[in-house]
Amino acid sequence: MQYTAIIKEDHGWWIGWIEEVPGVNCREKTHDELITSLRETLKEAIDFNKNDAIISAGKGFKEEIIAI
């Protein structure tokens, strides 16, 4: 999957947000560190949201792929 990072340098820090996933944002000293941090934070958010959805659904659910 692909996501869009909005990034900028601000007073010696690199800050970024993942456009499609609210709450995924990071701040690092270098551009490379920011990209790495955004990737890790995005993966953690997706894993957390997936687990939360499965727990909320309870028993008897099925998963379906939805493309846009």
PDB file of N, CA and C in Angstrom:
ATOM      1  N   MET A   1       0.832  -1.182   0.000  1.00  0.00           N
ATOM      2  CA  MET A   1       0.000   0.000   0.000  1.00  0.00           C
ATOM      3  C   MET A   1       0.877   1.246   0.000  1.00  0.00           C
ATOM      4  N   GLN A   2       0.331   2.296  -0.515  1.00  0.00           N
ATOM      5  CA  GLN A   2       1.068   3.552  -0.543  1.00  0.00           C
ATOM      6  C   GLN A   2       0.299   4.620   0.220  1.00  0.00           C
ATOM      7  N   TYR A   3       1.035   5.450   0.918  1.00  0.00           N
ATOM      8  CA  TYR A   3       0.470   6.553   1.670  1.00  0.00           C
ATOM      9  C   TYR A   3       1.257   7.807   1.332  1.00  0.00           C
ATOM     10  N   THR A   4       0.684   8.951   1.644  1.00  0.00           N
ATOM     11  CA  THR A   4       1.332  10.222   1.322  1.00  0.00           C
ATOM     12  C   THR A   4       1.808  10.898   2.609  1.00  0.00           C
ATOM     13  N   ALA A   5       3.092  11.216   2.657  1.00  0.00           N
ATOM     14  CA  ALA A   5       3.658  11.944   3.788  1.00  0.00           C
ATOM     15  C   ALA A   5       3.739  13.422   3.436  1.00  0.00           C
ATOM     16  N   ILE A   6       3.238  14.245   4.311  1.00  0.00           N
ATOM     17  CA  ILE A   6       3.393  15.696   4.210  1.00  0.00           C
ATOM     18  C   ILE A   6       4.546  16.039   5.145  1.00  0.00           C
ATOM     19  N   ILE A   7       5.624  16.597   4.599  1.00  0.00           N
ATOM     20  CA  ILE A   7       6.804  16.853   5.425  1.00  0.00           C
ATOM     21  C   ILE A   7       7.314  18.274   5.215  1.00  0.00           C
ATOM     22  N   LYS A   8       7.957  18.787   6.263  1.00  0.00           N
ATOM     23  CA  LYS A   8       8.618  20.087   6.133  1.00  0.00           C
ATOM     24  C   LYS A   8       9.683  20.217   7.213  1.00  0.00           C
ATOM     25  N   GLU A   9      10.629  21.105   6.951  1.00  0.00           N
ATOM     26  CA  GLU A   9      11.654  21.428   7.945  1.00  0.00           C
ATOM     27  C   GLU A   9      11.198  22.677   8.682  1.00  0.00           C
ATOM     28  N   ASP A  10      11.327  22.667  10.008  1.00  0.00           N
ATOM     29  CA  ASP A  10      10.856  23.784  10.813  1.00  0.00           C
ATOM     30  C   ASP A  10      11.796  23.992  11.998  1.00  0.00           C
ATOM     31  N   HIS A  11      12.561  25.058  11.958  1.00  0.00           N
ATOM     32  CA  HIS A  11      13.477  25.418  13.043  1.00  0.00           C
ATOM     33  C   HIS A  11      14.425  24.278  13.409  1.00  0.00           C
ATOM     34  N   GLY A  12      15.012  23.647  12.415  1.00  0.00           N
ATOM     35  CA  GLY A  12      16.003  22.600  12.653  1.00  0.00           C
ATOM     36  C   GLY A  12      15.423  21.209  12.860  1.00  0.00           C
ATOM     37  N   TRP A  13      14.114  21.080  12.815  1.00  0.00           N
ATOM     38  CA  TRP A  13      13.454  19.773  12.948  1.00  0.00           C
ATOM     39  C   TRP A  13      12.710  19.449  11.668  1.00  0.00           C
ATOM     40  N   TRP A  14      12.624  18.173  11.351  1.00  0.00           N
ATOM     41  CA  TRP A  14      11.787  17.696  10.256  1.00  0.00           C
ATOM     42  C   TRP A  14      10.517  17.156  10.875  1.00  0.00           C
ATOM     43  N   ILE A  15       9.378  17.654  10.403  1.00  0.00           N
ATOM     44  CA  ILE A  15       8.099  17.183  10.917  1.00  0.00           C
ATOM     45  C   ILE A  15       7.268  16.632   9.761  1.00  0.00           C
ATOM     46  N   GLY A  16       6.454  15.634  10.055  1.00  0.00           N
ATOM     47  CA  GLY A  16       5.671  15.028   8.993  1.00  0.00           C
ATOM     48  C   GLY A  16       4.408  14.372   9.499  1.00  0.00           C
ATOM     49  N   TRP A  17       3.462  14.253   8.588  1.00  0.00           N
ATOM     50  CA  TRP A  17       2.172  13.646   8.852  1.00  0.00           C
ATOM     51  C   TRP A  17       1.852  12.692   7.713  1.00  0.00           C
ATOM     52  N   ILE A  18       1.126  11.637   8.014  1.00  0.00           N
ATOM     53  CA  ILE A  18       0.596  10.772   6.964  1.00  0.00           C
ATOM     54  C   ILE A  18      -0.803  11.291   6.646  1.00  0.00           C
ATOM     55  N   GLU A  19      -0.966  11.715   5.412  1.00  0.00           N
ATOM     56  CA  GLU A  19      -2.181  12.383   4.964  1.00  0.00           C
ATOM     57  C   GLU A  19      -3.440  11.547   5.190  1.00  0.00           C
ATOM     58  N   GLU A  20      -3.358  10.264   4.910  1.00  0.00           N
ATOM     59  CA  GLU A  20      -4.538   9.407   4.907  1.00  0.00           C
ATOM     60  C   GLU A  20      -4.899   8.815   6.280  1.00  0.00           C
ATOM     61  N   VAL A  21      -4.018   8.947   7.267  1.00  0.00           N
ATOM     62  CA  VAL A  21      -4.252   8.301   8.565  1.00  0.00           C
ATOM     63  C   VAL A  21      -4.107   9.342   9.682  1.00  0.00           C
ATOM     64  N   PRO A  22      -5.218   9.811  10.223  1.00  0.00           N
ATOM     65  CA  PRO A  22      -5.142  10.793  11.310  1.00  0.00           C
ATOM     66  C   PRO A  22      -4.331  10.259  12.494  1.00  0.00           C
ATOM     67  N   GLY A  23      -3.564  11.132  13.093  1.00  0.00           N
ATOM     68  CA  GLY A  23      -2.805  10.761  14.282  1.00  0.00           C
ATOM     69  C   GLY A  23      -1.419  10.226  14.011  1.00  0.00           C
ATOM     70  N   VAL A  24      -1.077   9.969  12.752  1.00  0.00           N
ATOM     71  CA  VAL A  24       0.276   9.493  12.437  1.00  0.00           C
ATOM     72  C   VAL A  24       1.105  10.710  12.062  1.00  0.00           C
ATOM     73  N   ASN A  25       1.915  11.151  13.019  1.00  0.00           N
ATOM     74  CA  ASN A  25       2.794  12.295  12.796  1.00  0.00           C
ATOM     75  C   ASN A  25       4.058  12.101  13.620  1.00  0.00           C
ATOM     76  N   CYS A  26       5.151  12.673  13.134  1.00  0.00           N
ATOM     77  CA  CYS A  26       6.450  12.488  13.786  1.00  0.00           C
ATOM     78  C   CYS A  26       7.285  13.748  13.646  1.00  0.00           C
ATOM     79  N   ARG A  27       8.328  13.826  14.482  1.00  0.00           N
ATOM     80  CA  ARG A  27       9.296  14.917  14.415  1.00  0.00           C
ATOM     81  C   ARG A  27      10.671  14.320  14.670  1.00  0.00           C
ATOM     82  N   GLU A  28      11.609  14.597  13.766  1.00  0.00           N
ATOM     83  CA  GLU A  28      12.969  14.072  13.875  1.00  0.00           C
ATOM     84  C   GLU A  28      13.973  15.132  13.440  1.00  0.00           C
ATOM     85  N   LYS A  29      15.245  14.885  13.748  1.00  0.00           N
ATOM     86  CA  LYS A  29      16.311  15.841  13.415  1.00  0.00           C
ATOM     87  C   LYS A  29      16.709  15.811  11.939  1.00  0.00           C
ATOM     88  N   THR A  30      16.541  14.674  11.265  1.00  0.00           N
ATOM     89  CA  THR A  30      16.922  14.592   9.855  1.00  0.00           C
ATOM     90  C   THR A  30      15.755  14.069   9.024  1.00  0.00           C
ATOM     91  N   HIS A  31      15.821  14.349   7.739  1.00  0.00           N
ATOM     92  CA  HIS A  31      14.803  13.872   6.804  1.00  0.00           C
ATOM     93  C   HIS A  31      14.735  12.350   6.808  1.00  0.00           C
ATOM     94  N   ASP A  32      15.882  11.691   6.748  1.00  0.00           N
ATOM     95  CA  ASP A  32      15.903  10.220   6.726  1.00  0.00           C
ATOM     96  C   ASP A  32      15.307   9.628   8.002  1.00  0.00           C
ATOM     97  N   GLU A  33      15.642  10.215   9.149  1.00  0.00           N
ATOM     98  CA  GLU A  33      15.074   9.739  10.412  1.00  0.00           C
ATOM     99  C   GLU A  33      13.556   9.928  10.439  1.00  0.00           C
ATOM    100  N   LEU A  34      13.096  11.042   9.864  1.00  0.00           N
ATOM    101  CA  LEU A  34      11.659  11.304   9.820  1.00  0.00           C
ATOM    102  C   LEU A  34      10.946  10.253   8.983  1.00  0.00           C
ATOM    103  N   ILE A  35      11.461   9.948   7.812  1.00  0.00           N
ATOM    104  CA  ILE A  35      10.824   8.953   6.935  1.00  0.00           C
ATOM    105  C   ILE A  35      10.772   7.596   7.635  1.00  0.00           C
ATOM    106  N   THR A  36      11.872   7.207   8.274  1.00  0.00           N
ATOM    107  CA  THR A  36      11.899   5.940   9.009  1.00  0.00           C
ATOM    108  C   THR A  36      10.867   5.945  10.132  1.00  0.00           C
ATOM    109  N   SER A  37      10.808   7.024  10.875  1.00  0.00           N
ATOM    110  CA  SER A  37       9.877   7.143  11.986  1.00  0.00           C
ATOM    111  C   SER A  37       8.424   7.116  11.505  1.00  0.00           C
ATOM    112  N   LEU A  38       8.133   7.816  10.403  1.00  0.00           N
ATOM    113  CA  LEU A  38       6.780   7.802   9.849  1.00  0.00           C
ATOM    114  C   LEU A  38       6.379   6.397   9.413  1.00  0.00           C
ATOM    115  N   ARG A  39       7.295   5.670   8.767  1.00  0.00           N
ATOM    116  CA  ARG A  39       7.001   4.289   8.348  1.00  0.00           C
ATOM    117  C   ARG A  39       6.663   3.409   9.551  1.00  0.00           C
ATOM    118  N   GLU A  40       7.494   3.493  10.583  1.00  0.00           N
ATOM    119  CA  GLU A  40       7.287   2.664  11.779  1.00  0.00           C
ATOM    120  C   GLU A  40       5.983   3.034  12.490  1.00  0.00           C
ATOM    121  N   THR A  41       5.724   4.320  12.613  1.00  0.00           N
ATOM    122  CA  THR A  41       4.514   4.775  13.296  1.00  0.00           C
ATOM    123  C   THR A  41       3.270   4.398  12.501  1.00  0.00           C
ATOM    124  N   LEU A  42       3.324   4.514  11.180  1.00  0.00           N
ATOM    125  CA  LEU A  42       2.209   4.117  10.325  1.00  0.00           C
ATOM    126  C   LEU A  42       1.917   2.633  10.469  1.00  0.00           C
ATOM    127  N   LYS A  43       2.963   1.810  10.436  1.00  0.00           N
ATOM    128  CA  LYS A  43       2.769   0.363  10.582  1.00  0.00           C
ATOM    129  C   LYS A  43       2.134   0.043  11.932  1.00  0.00           C
ATOM    130  N   GLU A  44       2.624   0.662  12.986  1.00  0.00           N
ATOM    131  CA  GLU A  44       2.064   0.439  14.321  1.00  0.00           C
ATOM    132  C   GLU A  44       0.591   0.857  14.379  1.00  0.00           C
ATOM    133  N   ALA A  45       0.255   1.991  13.765  1.00  0.00           N
ATOM    134  CA  ALA A  45      -1.129   2.471  13.772  1.00  0.00           C
ATOM    135  C   ALA A  45      -2.044   1.517  13.013  1.00  0.00           C
ATOM    136  N   ILE A  46      -1.584   1.033  11.871  1.00  0.00           N
ATOM    137  CA  ILE A  46      -2.392   0.096  11.077  1.00  0.00           C
ATOM    138  C   ILE A  46      -2.585  -1.205  11.840  1.00  0.00           C
ATOM    139  N   ASP A  47      -1.521  -1.728  12.435  1.00  0.00           N
ATOM    140  CA  ASP A  47      -1.629  -2.967  13.226  1.00  0.00           C
ATOM    141  C   ASP A  47      -2.577  -2.773  14.409  1.00  0.00           C
ATOM    142  N   PHE A  48      -2.452  -1.648  15.107  1.00  0.00           N
ATOM    143  CA  PHE A  48      -3.317  -1.370  16.249  1.00  0.00           C
ATOM    144  C   PHE A  48      -4.773  -1.280  15.809  1.00  0.00           C
ATOM    145  N   ASN A  49      -5.025  -0.533  14.718  1.00  0.00           N
ATOM    146  CA  ASN A  49      -6.396  -0.364  14.238  1.00  0.00           C
ATOM    147  C   ASN A  49      -6.995  -1.688  13.780  1.00  0.00           C
ATOM    148  N   LYS A  50      -6.182  -2.528  13.140  1.00  0.00           N
ATOM    149  CA  LYS A  50      -6.657  -3.835  12.691  1.00  0.00           C
ATOM    150  C   LYS A  50      -7.040  -4.691  13.896  1.00  0.00           C
ATOM    151  N   ASN A  51      -6.158  -4.764  14.880  1.00  0.00           N
ATOM    152  CA  ASN A  51      -6.444  -5.558  16.083  1.00  0.00           C
ATOM    153  C   ASN A  51      -7.668  -5.027  16.818  1.00  0.00           C
ATOM    154  N   ASP A  52      -7.798  -3.713  16.903  1.00  0.00           N
ATOM    155  CA  ASP A  52      -8.947  -3.106  17.567  1.00  0.00           C
ATOM    156  C   ASP A  52     -10.248  -3.451  16.836  1.00  0.00           C
ATOM    157  N   ALA A  53     -10.227  -3.431  15.509  1.00  0.00           N
ATOM    158  CA  ALA A  53     -11.415  -3.774  14.722  1.00  0.00           C
ATOM    159  C   ALA A  53     -11.801  -5.231  14.921  1.00  0.00           C
ATOM    160  N   ILE A  54     -10.810  -6.118  14.945  1.00  0.00           N
ATOM    161  CA  ILE A  54     -11.078  -7.549  15.138  1.00  0.00           C
ATOM    162  C   ILE A  54     -11.689  -7.796  16.510  1.00  0.00           C
ATOM    163  N   ILE A  55     -11.144  -7.153  17.531  1.00  0.00           N
ATOM    164  CA  ILE A  55     -11.683  -7.306  18.888  1.00  0.00           C
ATOM    165  C   ILE A  55     -13.110  -6.753  18.949  1.00  0.00           C
ATOM    166  N   SER A  56     -13.333  -5.611  18.329  1.00  0.00           N
ATOM    167  CA  SER A  56     -14.660  -4.991  18.344  1.00  0.00           C
ATOM    168  C   SER A  56     -15.696  -5.836  17.611  1.00  0.00           C
ATOM    169  N   ALA A  57     -15.284  -6.519  16.545  1.00  0.00           N
ATOM    170  CA  ALA A  57     -16.215  -7.325  15.749  1.00  0.00           C
ATOM    171  C   ALA A  57     -16.683  -8.567  16.499  1.00  0.00           C
ATOM    172  N   GLY A  58     -15.854  -9.074  17.380  1.00  0.00           N
ATOM    173  CA  GLY A  58     -16.222 -10.291  18.108  1.00  0.00           C
ATOM    174  C   GLY A  58     -16.170 -11.512  17.201  1.00  0.00           C
ATOM    175  N   LYS A  59     -17.010 -12.488  17.497  1.00  0.00           N
ATOM    176  CA  LYS A  59     -17.004 -13.736  16.728  1.00  0.00           C
ATOM    177  C   LYS A  59     -17.875 -13.621  15.485  1.00  0.00           C
ATOM    178  N   GLY A  60     -17.582 -14.487  14.518  1.00  0.00           N
ATOM    179  CA  GLY A  60     -18.414 -14.617  13.338  1.00  0.00           C
ATOM    180  C   GLY A  60     -18.219 -13.577  12.247  1.00  0.00           C
ATOM    181  N   PHE A  61     -17.125 -12.877  12.292  1.00  0.00           N
ATOM    182  CA  PHE A  61     -16.886 -11.858  11.252  1.00  0.00           C
ATOM    183  C   PHE A  61     -16.084 -12.457  10.095  1.00  0.00           C
ATOM    184  N   LYS A  62     -16.078 -11.754   8.982  1.00  0.00           N
ATOM    185  CA  LYS A  62     -15.189 -12.108   7.873  1.00  0.00           C
ATOM    186  C   LYS A  62     -14.536 -10.831   7.386  1.00  0.00           C
ATOM    187  N   GLU A  63     -13.429 -10.992   6.746  1.00  0.00           N
ATOM    188  CA  GLU A  63     -12.699  -9.842   6.198  1.00  0.00           C
ATOM    189  C   GLU A  63     -12.879  -9.818   4.695  1.00  0.00           C
ATOM    190  N   GLU A  64     -13.072  -8.624   4.148  1.00  0.00           N
ATOM    191  CA  GLU A  64     -13.181  -8.438   2.707  1.00  0.00           C
ATOM    192  C   GLU A  64     -12.276  -7.291   2.303  1.00  0.00           C
ATOM    193  N   ILE A  65     -11.645  -7.444   1.151  1.00  0.00           N
ATOM    194  CA  ILE A  65     -10.788  -6.395   0.593  1.00  0.00           C
ATOM    195  C   ILE A  65     -11.685  -5.385  -0.113  1.00  0.00           C
ATOM    196  N   ILE A  66     -11.460  -4.106   0.176  1.00  0.00           N
ATOM    197  CA  ILE A  66     -12.181  -3.025  -0.483  1.00  0.00           C
ATOM    198  C   ILE A  66     -11.161  -2.087  -1.107  1.00  0.00           C
ATOM    199  N   ALA A  67     -11.255  -1.900  -2.398  1.00  0.00           N
ATOM    200  CA  ALA A  67     -10.339  -1.006  -3.100  1.00  0.00           C
ATOM    201  C   ALA A  67     -11.080   0.260  -3.503  1.00  0.00           C
ATOM    202  N   ILE A  68     -10.363   1.374  -3.506  1.00  0.00           N
ATOM    203  CA  ILE A  68     -10.965   2.625  -3.954  1.00  0.00           C
ATOM    204  C   ILE A  68     -10.199   3.188  -5.131  1.00  0.00           C
TER     205      ILE A  68
END
